[in-house]
Amino acid sequence: MKRSHLLAASAALVLAAGAVAQAASGKLVVVSWGGAYQDAQKVVYFEPTKAAGVDMVDESWDGGVGVLRAKVQGGNAGWDVVQVESDELEIGCEEGLYEKLDFAKIGGKDAYLPDAVHKCGVGAILYDFVLGYDKDKIPADKAPKSWADFFDTKTWPGKRALRMGAKTTLEIALMADGVPADKVYEALRTEAGVDRAFKKLDTIKKDLVFWKSGAQPPQFLASGEVAMTSVYNGRIDAANKKDKRNFGIVWNQALYTLDSWVILKGSPNVDAAYKFLAVAGKPENQAKLPNYIAYGVTAKAATPLIDAKLMPDLPTAPQNLEKAKMIDVEFWLENNDKLTERFNKWAAQN
C-alpha cells in the first residue's frame, strides 16, 4: 500500500540516524506502512511479539525498493523486517536484498494461501483497490456499480480521484471501457489497448484529481472534493470505523494484490525476525486484524476464526474475491517504466 516515494532529505537523515541507533541497541526493527493499519498491527502483532520475549520497535516508511537497496548495499540497513508491495518483493528478491525464507520456522508453506508463499517473503495482507463513494451524498438507489459508472460524470456529477501512476489507473480505464477483467492485461500488452486506456481517461481528464498516499482518497470524499475515488478498501473501512463516515465500496471489478514481510539481507537479528514472523503468521493473531481494519489475512486457518459479521467487508470474502482481478505483477515489472513515462506525460498535459 505504497505512499509517496519522494522522501525529504532531512526526513531521510533522521530516519537513517534512528535506524542506526536501533540496530546498535540490538532491537528488532519492524517496518510497515503507518496510519490506521500500523496502529492495528501494534495490537495484533507487535505487542504479542514483545510478550513472547522479543525486544522490538516498529517504524514506518513510504515504500520504494531504492530505499531498501541503499540500506542493504550501504552495509548498515538498520531495519530487519519490512512490509513490501508485490513489485518490491520481486525486484528486491532478484537483486538479493532479502534473506531467503525458511518456511519451516513459521509454520510451513501449507499454512498460508498459495499466493502468500514466496522464496523471499511471506504474505502479510491481501487488499483491494476499489471504487469508493460517500453514501450520504449518493443514495442507495443511485449507487455506482462499476468503473463505467465512475466515468459517467453526467449521471454522477463531480470530480473523480485516481492513483497517480499507470498501475491500476490503466486497468480501471479499460474495464470502464468494457474490457472484461480477465482480458485487461492482454489488451495492455498491445499498443492499441494502451491507446484505448488513455483515450478513456481523456473523457474525464478535466474532472480528475490524483492521489499519492492512501490517506488522501478518504479525505477527498470527506471534504466533498470528489464524488468517487479509487481507494484501498481498508482505508474506507478505517474511515467508517474511526471517523464515523458513511463511505461505500463497490467490490465489482476491484483490483487486488498482496503485501509481504521480508527480512533484509544482512540483518543481525534473523532469529528474532523469524520469531516475529511466526507470531504474525499465527491464525489466532491474524484473525484479530479485521477487528481493526478490513484487510484479508494470509494464514489459511485464520479466516474461519474471523468474526462472521466482519467477513462481508473483507476482500477475501468469497463474494468479494470472485468479483476481483489480481494485479499482474509480472506485467508491471516488464512494462512499468514505459507506461509510467507515458502516463506522466499525459498527466502533465492540459
Protein backbone atom coordinates (compact mmCIF):
# COMPACT_ATOMS: atom_id res chain seq x y z
CA MET A 1 0.00 0.00 0.00
CA LYS A 2 2.54 2.47 -1.22
CA ARG A 3 2.66 6.08 -0.16
CA SER A 4 4.73 8.82 -1.88
CA HIS A 5 8.22 7.63 -2.74
CA LEU A 6 9.74 11.10 -2.52
CA LEU A 7 11.32 11.34 0.92
CA ALA A 8 12.56 14.70 2.05
CA ALA A 9 16.30 14.73 2.61
CA SER A 10 16.01 15.89 6.20
CA ALA A 11 13.46 13.21 7.00
CA ALA A 12 15.69 10.59 5.44
CA LEU A 13 18.61 11.67 7.61
CA VAL A 14 16.52 11.49 10.76
CA LEU A 15 15.21 8.09 9.73
CA ALA A 16 18.68 6.79 8.99
CA ALA A 17 20.03 8.04 12.30
CA GLY A 18 17.16 6.40 14.15
CA ALA A 19 17.66 3.13 12.30
CA VAL A 20 21.37 3.02 13.11
CA ALA A 21 20.61 3.70 16.76
CA GLN A 22 18.05 0.90 16.86
CA ALA A 23 20.44 -1.51 15.15
CA ALA A 24 23.17 -0.66 17.62
CA SER A 25 20.80 -1.36 20.50
CA GLY A 26 20.18 -4.91 19.26
CA LYS A 27 16.44 -4.37 18.98
CA LEU A 28 14.48 -5.99 16.18
CA VAL A 29 13.21 -3.22 13.88
CA VAL A 30 9.96 -3.99 12.05
CA VAL A 31 8.83 -1.52 9.39
CA SER A 32 5.31 -1.10 7.99
CA TRP A 33 3.05 1.49 6.38
CA GLY A 34 1.97 3.68 9.29
CA GLY A 35 -1.50 5.10 9.89
CA ALA A 36 -4.55 3.09 10.89
CA TYR A 37 -3.02 -0.09 9.52
CA GLN A 38 0.11 0.05 11.66
CA ASP A 39 -1.99 1.01 14.67
CA ALA A 40 -3.81 -2.28 14.17
CA GLN A 41 -0.54 -4.17 13.76
CA LYS A 42 0.72 -2.82 17.07
CA VAL A 43 -2.14 -4.51 18.87
CA VAL A 44 -2.37 -7.68 16.82
CA TYR A 45 1.30 -8.47 16.10
CA PHE A 46 3.81 -6.17 17.77
CA GLU A 47 2.60 -6.39 21.37
CA PRO A 48 2.30 -10.23 21.23
CA THR A 49 5.84 -10.37 19.79
CA LYS A 50 7.15 -8.34 22.71
CA ALA A 51 5.19 -10.53 25.12
CA ALA A 52 6.96 -13.54 23.56
CA GLY A 53 10.29 -12.08 24.67
CA VAL A 54 11.41 -10.26 21.51
CA ASP A 55 12.90 -6.82 22.10
CA MET A 56 11.46 -4.91 19.14
CA VAL A 57 10.44 -1.49 17.89
CA ASP A 58 8.36 -0.53 14.88
CA GLU A 59 8.89 2.19 12.30
CA SER A 60 7.05 3.23 9.14
CA TRP A 61 8.10 4.00 5.58
CA ASP A 62 6.66 5.23 2.29
CA GLY A 63 7.85 2.41 0.05
CA GLY A 64 10.30 2.22 -2.82
CA VAL A 65 12.80 -0.53 -3.47
CA GLY A 66 15.50 2.11 -3.87
CA VAL A 67 15.26 2.85 -0.15
CA LEU A 68 15.90 -0.80 0.67
CA ARG A 69 18.65 -1.08 -1.92
CA ALA A 70 20.51 1.84 -0.37
CA LYS A 71 20.21 0.40 3.12
CA VAL A 72 21.39 -3.10 2.24
CA GLN A 73 24.17 -2.01 -0.10
CA GLY A 74 25.32 0.54 2.46
CA GLY A 75 26.11 -2.30 4.84
CA ASN A 76 24.10 -0.94 7.77
CA ALA A 77 20.45 -1.47 6.96
CA GLY A 78 19.14 -0.63 10.42
CA TRP A 79 15.86 -2.36 9.53
CA ASP A 80 15.23 -6.08 9.94
CA VAL A 81 11.69 -6.94 8.81
CA VAL A 82 9.90 -4.75 6.26
CA GLN A 83 6.46 -4.95 4.71
CA VAL A 84 6.74 -4.51 0.94
CA GLU A 85 4.46 -4.38 -2.06
CA SER A 86 4.42 -7.13 -4.66
CA ASP A 87 6.73 -5.35 -7.12
CA GLU A 88 9.20 -4.52 -4.35
CA LEU A 89 9.16 -8.17 -3.33
CA GLU A 90 10.05 -9.37 -6.82
CA ILE A 91 12.67 -6.74 -7.62
CA GLY A 92 14.35 -6.92 -4.22
CA CYS A 93 14.44 -10.71 -4.28
CA GLU A 94 16.03 -10.71 -7.73
CA GLU A 95 18.64 -8.21 -6.51
CA GLY A 96 19.45 -10.21 -3.40
CA LEU A 97 18.16 -7.60 -0.95
CA TYR A 98 16.28 -10.13 1.16
CA GLU A 99 17.04 -13.32 3.03
CA LYS A 100 15.57 -16.50 1.54
CA LEU A 101 12.80 -17.58 3.89
CA ASP A 102 12.78 -20.87 5.78
CA PHE A 103 9.06 -21.54 5.99
CA ALA A 104 9.65 -24.41 8.41
CA LYS A 105 10.30 -21.74 11.05
CA ILE A 106 6.96 -20.03 10.53
CA GLY A 107 4.51 -22.89 10.27
CA GLY A 108 5.32 -24.30 6.82
CA LYS A 109 4.25 -23.26 3.34
CA ASP A 110 0.97 -25.15 3.56
CA ALA A 111 -0.14 -22.91 6.41
CA TYR A 112 -0.51 -19.97 4.03
CA LEU A 113 -2.53 -19.13 0.95
CA PRO A 114 -0.57 -20.16 -2.17
CA ASP A 115 -0.19 -16.54 -3.33
CA ALA A 116 1.33 -15.66 0.06
CA VAL A 117 4.28 -18.04 -0.33
CA HIS A 118 7.42 -16.66 -1.96
CA LYS A 119 11.06 -17.63 -1.62
CA CYS A 120 11.87 -14.18 -0.27
CA GLY A 121 8.69 -13.24 1.57
CA VAL A 122 5.51 -14.32 3.29
CA GLY A 123 2.18 -12.63 2.64
CA ALA A 124 1.06 -10.10 5.23
CA ILE A 125 -2.27 -8.93 3.86
CA LEU A 126 -4.45 -9.12 0.79
CA TYR A 127 -6.13 -5.85 -0.15
CA ASP A 128 -8.14 -4.28 -2.94
CA PHE A 129 -8.18 -1.12 -4.95
CA VAL A 130 -11.92 -0.42 -5.00
CA LEU A 131 -14.32 2.29 -6.08
CA GLY A 132 -15.24 4.39 -3.05
CA TYR A 133 -18.02 6.96 -2.63
CA ASP A 134 -19.96 8.77 0.10
CA LYS A 135 -23.32 7.16 0.86
CA ASP A 136 -24.55 10.39 2.42
CA LYS A 137 -24.17 12.12 -0.94
CA ILE A 138 -25.10 9.29 -3.30
CA PRO A 139 -28.27 7.46 -2.19
CA ALA A 140 -28.54 3.68 -2.35
CA ASP A 141 -30.86 3.69 -5.37
CA LYS A 142 -28.21 5.61 -7.35
CA ALA A 143 -25.12 3.86 -6.01
CA PRO A 144 -22.42 3.20 -8.64
CA LYS A 145 -21.92 -0.44 -9.61
CA SER A 146 -18.79 -0.46 -11.78
CA TRP A 147 -15.89 1.56 -13.14
CA ALA A 148 -18.11 2.51 -16.08
CA ASP A 149 -20.23 4.47 -13.60
CA PHE A 150 -17.06 6.11 -12.28
CA PHE A 151 -16.54 7.60 -15.75
CA ASP A 152 -20.18 8.69 -16.11
CA THR A 153 -20.00 12.29 -14.90
CA LYS A 154 -23.42 13.15 -16.31
CA THR A 155 -25.34 10.70 -14.15
CA TRP A 156 -22.98 11.19 -11.19
CA PRO A 157 -21.60 14.75 -11.37
CA GLY A 158 -18.42 15.72 -9.57
CA LYS A 159 -14.71 15.21 -9.71
CA ARG A 160 -13.00 11.81 -9.61
CA ALA A 161 -9.74 10.72 -7.99
CA LEU A 162 -7.34 8.05 -9.22
CA ARG A 163 -3.95 6.92 -8.01
CA MET A 164 -1.13 8.95 -9.55
CA GLY A 165 0.51 6.45 -11.85
CA ALA A 166 -0.11 3.98 -14.63
CA LYS A 167 -0.59 0.90 -12.45
CA THR A 168 -4.27 0.35 -11.55
CA THR A 169 -5.27 3.50 -13.45
CA LEU A 170 -4.93 1.89 -16.87
CA GLU A 171 -6.67 -1.30 -15.75
CA ILE A 172 -9.55 0.76 -14.37
CA ALA A 173 -9.86 2.74 -17.63
CA LEU A 174 -10.04 -0.40 -19.75
CA MET A 175 -12.64 -2.07 -17.52
CA ALA A 176 -14.67 1.14 -17.65
CA ASP A 177 -14.48 0.97 -21.43
CA GLY A 178 -15.91 -2.54 -21.49
CA VAL A 179 -12.84 -4.77 -21.47
CA PRO A 180 -13.52 -7.86 -19.32
CA ALA A 181 -11.31 -8.04 -16.24
CA ASP A 182 -9.67 -11.26 -17.42
CA LYS A 183 -8.70 -9.62 -20.72
CA VAL A 184 -7.25 -6.38 -19.32
CA TYR A 185 -3.58 -7.38 -19.37
CA GLU A 186 -3.95 -9.00 -22.75
CA ALA A 187 -5.18 -5.63 -24.01
CA LEU A 188 -2.45 -3.65 -22.21
CA ARG A 189 0.21 -5.76 -23.92
CA THR A 190 -0.83 -4.15 -27.21
CA GLU A 191 -0.32 -0.56 -28.36
CA ALA A 192 -3.99 -0.40 -29.27
CA GLY A 193 -5.00 -1.45 -25.78
CA VAL A 194 -2.82 1.18 -24.14
CA ASP A 195 -4.16 3.82 -26.53
CA ARG A 196 -7.68 2.74 -25.64
CA ALA A 197 -6.99 3.19 -21.92
CA PHE A 198 -5.64 6.71 -22.38
CA LYS A 199 -8.49 7.62 -24.69
CA LYS A 200 -10.93 6.59 -21.96
CA LEU A 201 -9.03 8.62 -19.37
CA ASP A 202 -9.26 11.62 -21.72
CA THR A 203 -13.06 11.56 -21.35
CA ILE A 204 -12.85 12.63 -17.69
CA LYS A 205 -9.45 14.31 -17.57
CA LYS A 206 -10.90 17.73 -16.75
CA ASP A 207 -12.66 16.16 -13.75
CA LEU A 208 -9.68 14.14 -12.50
CA VAL A 209 -7.52 14.69 -9.45
CA PHE A 210 -4.79 12.28 -8.42
CA TRP A 211 -3.83 10.83 -5.06
CA LYS A 212 -0.39 9.66 -3.97
CA SER A 213 -0.88 8.47 -0.39
CA GLY A 214 -3.52 6.08 0.88
CA ALA A 215 -4.82 8.66 3.34
CA GLN A 216 -5.88 11.06 0.58
CA PRO A 217 -8.91 9.31 -1.01
CA PRO A 218 -10.99 9.27 2.21
CA GLN A 219 -10.02 12.90 2.80
CA PHE A 220 -11.16 13.80 -0.72
CA LEU A 221 -14.50 12.10 -0.11
CA ALA A 222 -14.96 13.68 3.33
CA SER A 223 -14.28 17.19 2.03
CA GLY A 224 -16.54 16.69 -0.97
CA GLU A 225 -13.67 17.41 -3.34
CA VAL A 226 -14.53 14.28 -5.31
CA ALA A 227 -17.69 12.26 -5.79
CA MET A 228 -15.87 8.97 -6.35
CA THR A 229 -12.33 7.68 -5.98
CA SER A 230 -10.18 4.63 -6.33
CA VAL A 231 -9.04 3.72 -2.83
CA TYR A 232 -7.58 0.96 -0.68
CA ASN A 233 -10.53 -0.91 0.78
CA GLY A 234 -9.05 -0.80 4.28
CA ARG A 235 -8.90 2.99 4.22
CA ILE A 236 -12.65 3.15 3.62
CA ASP A 237 -13.25 0.74 6.49
CA ALA A 238 -10.96 2.70 8.81
CA ALA A 239 -12.68 6.00 7.96
CA ASN A 240 -16.08 4.47 8.67
CA LYS A 241 -14.95 2.96 11.97
CA LYS A 242 -12.69 5.69 13.35
CA ASP A 243 -14.13 8.84 11.78
CA LYS A 244 -17.78 7.72 11.68
CA ARG A 245 -18.01 8.23 7.95
CA ASN A 246 -20.64 6.61 5.77
CA PHE A 247 -18.50 5.68 2.80
CA GLY A 248 -19.43 2.91 0.40
CA ILE A 249 -17.38 0.35 -1.52
CA VAL A 250 -18.02 -1.12 -4.95
CA TRP A 251 -16.38 -4.55 -4.88
CA ASN A 252 -17.20 -5.26 -8.51
CA GLN A 253 -14.06 -5.04 -10.71
CA ALA A 254 -11.77 -4.49 -7.73
CA LEU A 255 -8.04 -5.00 -8.27
CA TYR A 256 -6.32 -6.97 -5.56
CA THR A 257 -2.75 -7.70 -4.54
CA LEU A 258 -0.70 -8.83 -1.56
CA ASP A 259 1.90 -7.20 0.61
CA SER A 260 4.61 -9.38 2.11
CA TRP A 261 7.01 -9.44 5.02
CA VAL A 262 10.68 -9.71 4.08
CA ILE A 263 13.87 -9.98 6.14
CA LEU A 264 16.53 -7.63 4.86
CA LYS A 265 19.80 -9.22 3.78
CA GLY A 266 22.46 -8.89 6.44
CA SER A 267 20.03 -8.40 9.31
CA PRO A 268 21.84 -9.09 12.61
CA ASN A 269 18.53 -10.18 14.14
CA VAL A 270 17.42 -13.01 11.87
CA ASP A 271 16.39 -15.30 14.74
CA ALA A 272 14.25 -12.56 16.27
CA ALA A 273 12.85 -11.77 12.82
CA TYR A 274 11.61 -15.34 12.47
CA LYS A 275 10.04 -15.14 15.92
CA PHE A 276 8.13 -12.07 14.79
CA LEU A 277 7.04 -13.71 11.54
CA ALA A 278 5.86 -16.75 13.49
CA VAL A 279 3.73 -14.54 15.73
CA ALA A 280 2.39 -12.60 12.72
CA GLY A 281 1.57 -15.87 10.97
CA LYS A 282 -0.43 -17.44 13.78
CA PRO A 283 -4.06 -17.83 12.69
CA GLU A 284 -5.38 -16.68 16.07
CA ASN A 285 -3.42 -13.43 15.73
CA GLN A 286 -4.25 -12.81 12.07
CA ALA A 287 -7.94 -13.37 12.79
CA LYS A 288 -7.93 -10.28 15.02
CA LEU A 289 -6.69 -7.88 12.32
CA PRO A 290 -10.12 -7.34 10.68
CA ASN A 291 -11.43 -6.13 14.04
CA TYR A 292 -9.35 -3.02 13.42
CA ILE A 293 -9.00 -2.71 9.64
CA ALA A 294 -10.60 -4.63 6.78
CA TYR A 295 -7.70 -6.35 5.07
CA GLY A 296 -7.62 -10.01 4.15
CA VAL A 297 -5.26 -12.32 6.01
CA THR A 298 -2.95 -14.96 4.62
CA ALA A 299 -2.94 -17.87 7.09
CA LYS A 300 -5.40 -20.48 5.84
CA ALA A 301 -6.69 -21.28 9.31
CA ALA A 302 -7.30 -17.63 10.20
CA THR A 303 -10.38 -16.96 8.10
CA PRO A 304 -12.67 -19.40 9.96
CA LEU A 305 -11.74 -17.61 13.20
CA ILE A 306 -12.76 -14.14 11.97
CA ASP A 307 -15.96 -12.69 13.35
CA ALA A 308 -18.64 -13.58 10.80
CA LYS A 309 -20.07 -10.06 10.98
CA LEU A 310 -16.82 -8.68 9.57
CA MET A 311 -16.46 -11.03 6.63
CA PRO A 312 -18.62 -9.08 4.13
CA ASP A 313 -16.21 -6.14 4.48
CA LEU A 314 -13.09 -8.17 3.65
CA PRO A 315 -11.50 -8.55 0.21
CA THR A 316 -11.09 -12.27 0.97
CA ALA A 317 -14.82 -12.83 1.43
CA PRO A 318 -15.76 -15.24 -1.38
CA GLN A 319 -18.44 -12.92 -2.78
CA ASN A 320 -15.88 -10.08 -2.98
CA LEU A 321 -12.91 -12.10 -4.19
CA GLU A 322 -14.85 -13.59 -7.09
CA LYS A 323 -15.52 -10.09 -8.42
CA ALA A 324 -11.89 -9.00 -8.22
CA LYS A 325 -8.91 -9.27 -10.55
CA MET A 326 -5.38 -9.84 -9.27
CA ILE A 327 -2.86 -7.22 -10.34
CA ASP A 328 -0.38 -8.82 -12.73
CA VAL A 329 2.99 -8.24 -11.08
CA GLU A 330 4.99 -9.69 -13.98
CA PHE A 331 3.26 -7.37 -16.43
CA TRP A 332 4.16 -4.33 -14.38
CA LEU A 333 7.74 -5.43 -13.84
CA GLU A 334 8.10 -5.63 -17.62
CA ASN A 335 6.14 -2.52 -18.58
CA ASN A 336 6.13 -0.13 -15.65
CA ASP A 337 8.88 2.21 -16.89
CA LYS A 338 7.49 2.88 -20.34
CA LEU A 339 3.86 3.10 -19.20
CA THR A 340 4.73 5.35 -16.29
CA GLU A 341 6.66 7.65 -18.62
CA ARG A 342 3.68 7.87 -20.95
CA PHE A 343 1.27 8.38 -18.05
CA ASN A 344 3.35 11.19 -16.55
CA LYS A 345 3.50 12.99 -19.90
CA TRP A 346 -0.25 12.55 -20.31
CA ALA A 347 -0.99 13.80 -16.79
CA ALA A 348 1.21 16.89 -17.31
CA GLN A 349 -0.65 17.94 -20.45
CA ASN A 350 -3.51 20.42 -20.15
